[in-house]
Amino acid sequence: MKKVFISQPMRGWEDEEILAFRNIIKMNLEKSLDDDIEIIDSFLQDYPGEINKHIPVYYLGKSIQLLSQADVAYFGGDWKNARGCQIEYAICKKYGIPTIEEWDDILIHTGENLI
């Protein structure tokens, strides 16, 4: 079973929209990857109240921890224009985590021996 990390823009989206998009991504991945997958739950809602500045940095740090568990990372939506997604993508490239990029409803596989 492959563990898949999903990176997607979240700023300006309602929680329900984010979760619906993630479900669509999961269904598309299950169809396109001839493999059992487990989605790493990186949709974070816990927020310690003591952080009142740089909240996005807090969530990015948590997502990077989860990214470390991934066999592959999926980048969807307008990820190229989202700061956190750009950072997660750079980490994948620097640390050799294979990636899948969404582009006009086509999955583009990058990295060595992805599947």
C-alpha atoms as a PDB file:
ATOM      1  CA  MET A   1       0.000   0.000   0.000  1.00  0.00           C
ATOM      2  CA  LYS A   2       1.342   3.398  -0.993  1.00  0.00           C
ATOM      3  CA  LYS A   3       1.003   6.337   1.379  1.00  0.00           C
ATOM      4  CA  VAL A   4       0.026   9.465  -0.556  1.00  0.00           C
ATOM      5  CA  PHE A   5       0.424  13.026   0.695  1.00  0.00           C
ATOM      6  CA  ILE A   6      -1.900  15.570  -0.944  1.00  0.00           C
ATOM      7  CA  SER A   7      -0.696  19.127  -1.391  1.00  0.00           C
ATOM      8  CA  GLN A   8      -3.337  21.596  -2.501  1.00  0.00           C
ATOM      9  CA  PRO A   9      -4.071  25.302  -2.068  1.00  0.00           C
ATOM     10  CA  MET A  10      -6.305  25.989   0.926  1.00  0.00           C
ATOM     11  CA  ARG A  11      -6.269  29.756   1.370  1.00  0.00           C
ATOM     12  CA  GLY A  12      -9.694  31.207   0.674  1.00  0.00           C
ATOM     13  CA  TRP A  13     -11.426  27.816   0.577  1.00  0.00           C
ATOM     14  CA  GLU A  14     -14.080  26.624   3.005  1.00  0.00           C
ATOM     15  CA  ASP A  15     -13.329  23.384   4.866  1.00  0.00           C
ATOM     16  CA  GLU A  16     -16.106  21.571   2.989  1.00  0.00           C
ATOM     17  CA  GLU A  17     -14.610  22.627  -0.372  1.00  0.00           C
ATOM     18  CA  ILE A  18     -11.147  21.450   0.632  1.00  0.00           C
ATOM     19  CA  LEU A  19     -12.435  18.073   1.801  1.00  0.00           C
ATOM     20  CA  ALA A  20     -14.583  17.617  -1.326  1.00  0.00           C
ATOM     21  CA  PHE A  21     -11.574  18.351  -3.561  1.00  0.00           C
ATOM     22  CA  ARG A  22      -9.467  15.874  -1.569  1.00  0.00           C
ATOM     23  CA  ASN A  23     -12.115  13.185  -2.076  1.00  0.00           C
ATOM     24  CA  ILE A  24     -12.073  13.798  -5.833  1.00  0.00           C
ATOM     25  CA  ILE A  25      -8.271  13.573  -5.820  1.00  0.00           C
ATOM     26  CA  LYS A  26      -8.422  10.291  -3.911  1.00  0.00           C
ATOM     27  CA  MET A  27     -10.934   8.792  -6.362  1.00  0.00           C
ATOM     28  CA  ASN A  28      -8.819   9.894  -9.354  1.00  0.00           C
ATOM     29  CA  LEU A  29      -5.657   8.463  -7.795  1.00  0.00           C
ATOM     30  CA  GLU A  30      -7.341   5.140  -7.066  1.00  0.00           C
ATOM     31  CA  LYS A  31      -8.385   4.941 -10.730  1.00  0.00           C
ATOM     32  CA  SER A  32      -5.071   6.030 -12.222  1.00  0.00           C
ATOM     33  CA  LEU A  33      -2.695   4.204  -9.882  1.00  0.00           C
ATOM     34  CA  ASP A  34      -3.121   0.485 -10.144  1.00  0.00           C
ATOM     35  CA  ASP A  35      -2.282   0.133  -6.475  1.00  0.00           C
ATOM     36  CA  ASP A  36      -3.887   0.338  -3.059  1.00  0.00           C
ATOM     37  CA  ILE A  37      -3.331   3.763  -1.569  1.00  0.00           C
ATOM     38  CA  GLU A  38      -3.671   5.346   1.832  1.00  0.00           C
ATOM     39  CA  ILE A  39      -4.162   9.101   1.950  1.00  0.00           C
ATOM     40  CA  ILE A  40      -2.154  10.755   4.700  1.00  0.00           C
ATOM     41  CA  ASP A  41      -4.609  12.988   6.539  1.00  0.00           C
ATOM     42  CA  SER A  42      -2.872  16.343   6.174  1.00  0.00           C
ATOM     43  CA  PHE A  43      -6.013  18.468   6.468  1.00  0.00           C
ATOM     44  CA  LEU A  44      -5.238  19.985   9.846  1.00  0.00           C
ATOM     45  CA  GLN A  45      -7.802  21.664  12.023  1.00  0.00           C
ATOM     46  CA  ASP A  46      -6.144  21.623  15.416  1.00  0.00           C
ATOM     47  CA  TYR A  47      -4.836  25.046  16.326  1.00  0.00           C
ATOM     48  CA  PRO A  48      -3.092  25.812  19.590  1.00  0.00           C
ATOM     49  CA  GLY A  49      -4.419  29.165  20.711  1.00  0.00           C
ATOM     50  CA  GLU A  50      -1.038  30.431  21.906  1.00  0.00           C
ATOM     51  CA  ILE A  51       0.134  31.021  18.329  1.00  0.00           C
ATOM     52  CA  ASN A  52      -1.232  34.356  17.202  1.00  0.00           C
ATOM     53  CA  LYS A  53       1.323  35.240  14.561  1.00  0.00           C
ATOM     54  CA  HIS A  54       2.481  33.306  11.490  1.00  0.00           C
ATOM     55  CA  ILE A  55      -0.298  30.727  11.739  1.00  0.00           C
ATOM     56  CA  PRO A  56       0.375  29.433   8.190  1.00  0.00           C
ATOM     57  CA  VAL A  57       3.958  28.597   9.240  1.00  0.00           C
ATOM     58  CA  TYR A  58       2.596  26.479  12.092  1.00  0.00           C
ATOM     59  CA  TYR A  59       0.415  24.467   9.711  1.00  0.00           C
ATOM     60  CA  LEU A  60       3.195  24.166   7.125  1.00  0.00           C
ATOM     61  CA  GLY A  61       5.505  22.698   9.775  1.00  0.00           C
ATOM     62  CA  LYS A  62       2.878  20.127  10.711  1.00  0.00           C
ATOM     63  CA  SER A  63       2.283  19.221   7.061  1.00  0.00           C
ATOM     64  CA  ILE A  64       6.026  18.751   6.477  1.00  0.00           C
ATOM     65  CA  GLN A  65       6.069  16.266   9.355  1.00  0.00           C
ATOM     66  CA  LEU A  66       3.316  14.313   7.625  1.00  0.00           C
ATOM     67  CA  LEU A  67       5.064  14.591   4.247  1.00  0.00           C
ATOM     68  CA  SER A  68       7.988  12.676   5.756  1.00  0.00           C
ATOM     69  CA  GLN A  69       5.744   9.575   5.906  1.00  0.00           C
ATOM     70  CA  ALA A  70       4.781   9.675   2.203  1.00  0.00           C
ATOM     71  CA  ASP A  71       5.729   7.226  -0.515  1.00  0.00           C
ATOM     72  CA  VAL A  72       4.536   9.785  -3.056  1.00  0.00           C
ATOM     73  CA  ALA A  73       3.195  13.360  -2.956  1.00  0.00           C
ATOM     74  CA  TYR A  74       0.326  14.580  -5.124  1.00  0.00           C
ATOM     75  CA  PHE A  75       0.155  18.257  -6.092  1.00  0.00           C
ATOM     76  CA  GLY A  76      -3.272  19.416  -7.226  1.00  0.00           C
ATOM     77  CA  GLY A  77      -5.253  22.479  -8.113  1.00  0.00           C
ATOM     78  CA  ASP A  78      -3.388  25.753  -8.495  1.00  0.00           C
ATOM     79  CA  TRP A  79      -0.550  24.452  -6.310  1.00  0.00           C
ATOM     80  CA  LYS A  80       2.166  26.307  -8.245  1.00  0.00           C
ATOM     81  CA  ASN A  81       0.787  29.608  -6.912  1.00  0.00           C
ATOM     82  CA  ALA A  82       0.432  28.530  -3.285  1.00  0.00           C
ATOM     83  CA  ARG A  83       3.383  29.226  -0.955  1.00  0.00           C
ATOM     84  CA  GLY A  84       2.979  26.129   1.178  1.00  0.00           C
ATOM     85  CA  CYS A  85       2.617  23.844  -1.847  1.00  0.00           C
ATOM     86  CA  GLN A  86       5.730  25.356  -3.424  1.00  0.00           C
ATOM     87  CA  ILE A  87       7.704  24.640  -0.255  1.00  0.00           C
ATOM     88  CA  GLU A  88       6.361  21.088   0.003  1.00  0.00           C
ATOM     89  CA  TYR A  89       7.276  20.492  -3.650  1.00  0.00           C
ATOM     90  CA  ALA A  90      10.818  21.799  -3.100  1.00  0.00           C
ATOM     91  CA  ILE A  91      11.183  19.447  -0.124  1.00  0.00           C
ATOM     92  CA  CYS A  92      10.074  16.503  -2.264  1.00  0.00           C
ATOM     93  CA  LYS A  93      12.648  17.364  -4.912  1.00  0.00           C
ATOM     94  CA  LYS A  94      15.474  17.899  -2.411  1.00  0.00           C
ATOM     95  CA  TYR A  95      14.725  14.717  -0.446  1.00  0.00           C
ATOM     96  CA  GLY A  96      13.769  12.410  -3.314  1.00  0.00           C
ATOM     97  CA  ILE A  97      10.067  11.972  -2.566  1.00  0.00           C
ATOM     98  CA  PRO A  98       8.351  11.068  -5.860  1.00  0.00           C
ATOM     99  CA  THR A  99       5.654  13.485  -6.999  1.00  0.00           C
ATOM    100  CA  ILE A 100       2.500  13.457  -9.084  1.00  0.00           C
ATOM    101  CA  GLU A 101       1.387  16.780 -10.530  1.00  0.00           C
ATOM    102  CA  GLU A 102      -2.102  17.637 -11.688  1.00  0.00           C
ATOM    103  CA  TRP A 103      -2.273  19.554 -14.927  1.00  0.00           C
ATOM    104  CA  ASP A 104      -5.499  20.016 -16.877  1.00  0.00           C
ATOM    105  CA  ASP A 105      -6.983  16.782 -15.512  1.00  0.00           C
ATOM    106  CA  ILE A 106      -3.901  14.818 -16.528  1.00  0.00           C
ATOM    107  CA  LEU A 107      -1.692  13.227 -13.909  1.00  0.00           C
ATOM    108  CA  ILE A 108       1.985  13.788 -14.608  1.00  0.00           C
ATOM    109  CA  HIS A 109       4.282  11.368 -12.797  1.00  0.00           C
ATOM    110  CA  THR A 110       7.742  12.567 -11.894  1.00  0.00           C
ATOM    111  CA  GLY A 111      10.466  10.826  -9.963  1.00  0.00           C
ATOM    112  CA  GLU A 112      12.055   7.417 -10.137  1.00  0.00           C
ATOM    113  CA  ASN A 113       9.984   4.223 -10.108  1.00  0.00           C
ATOM    114  CA  LEU A 114       6.901   5.967  -8.819  1.00  0.00           C
ATOM    115  CA  ILE A 115       4.558   3.032  -9.125  1.00  0.00           C
END
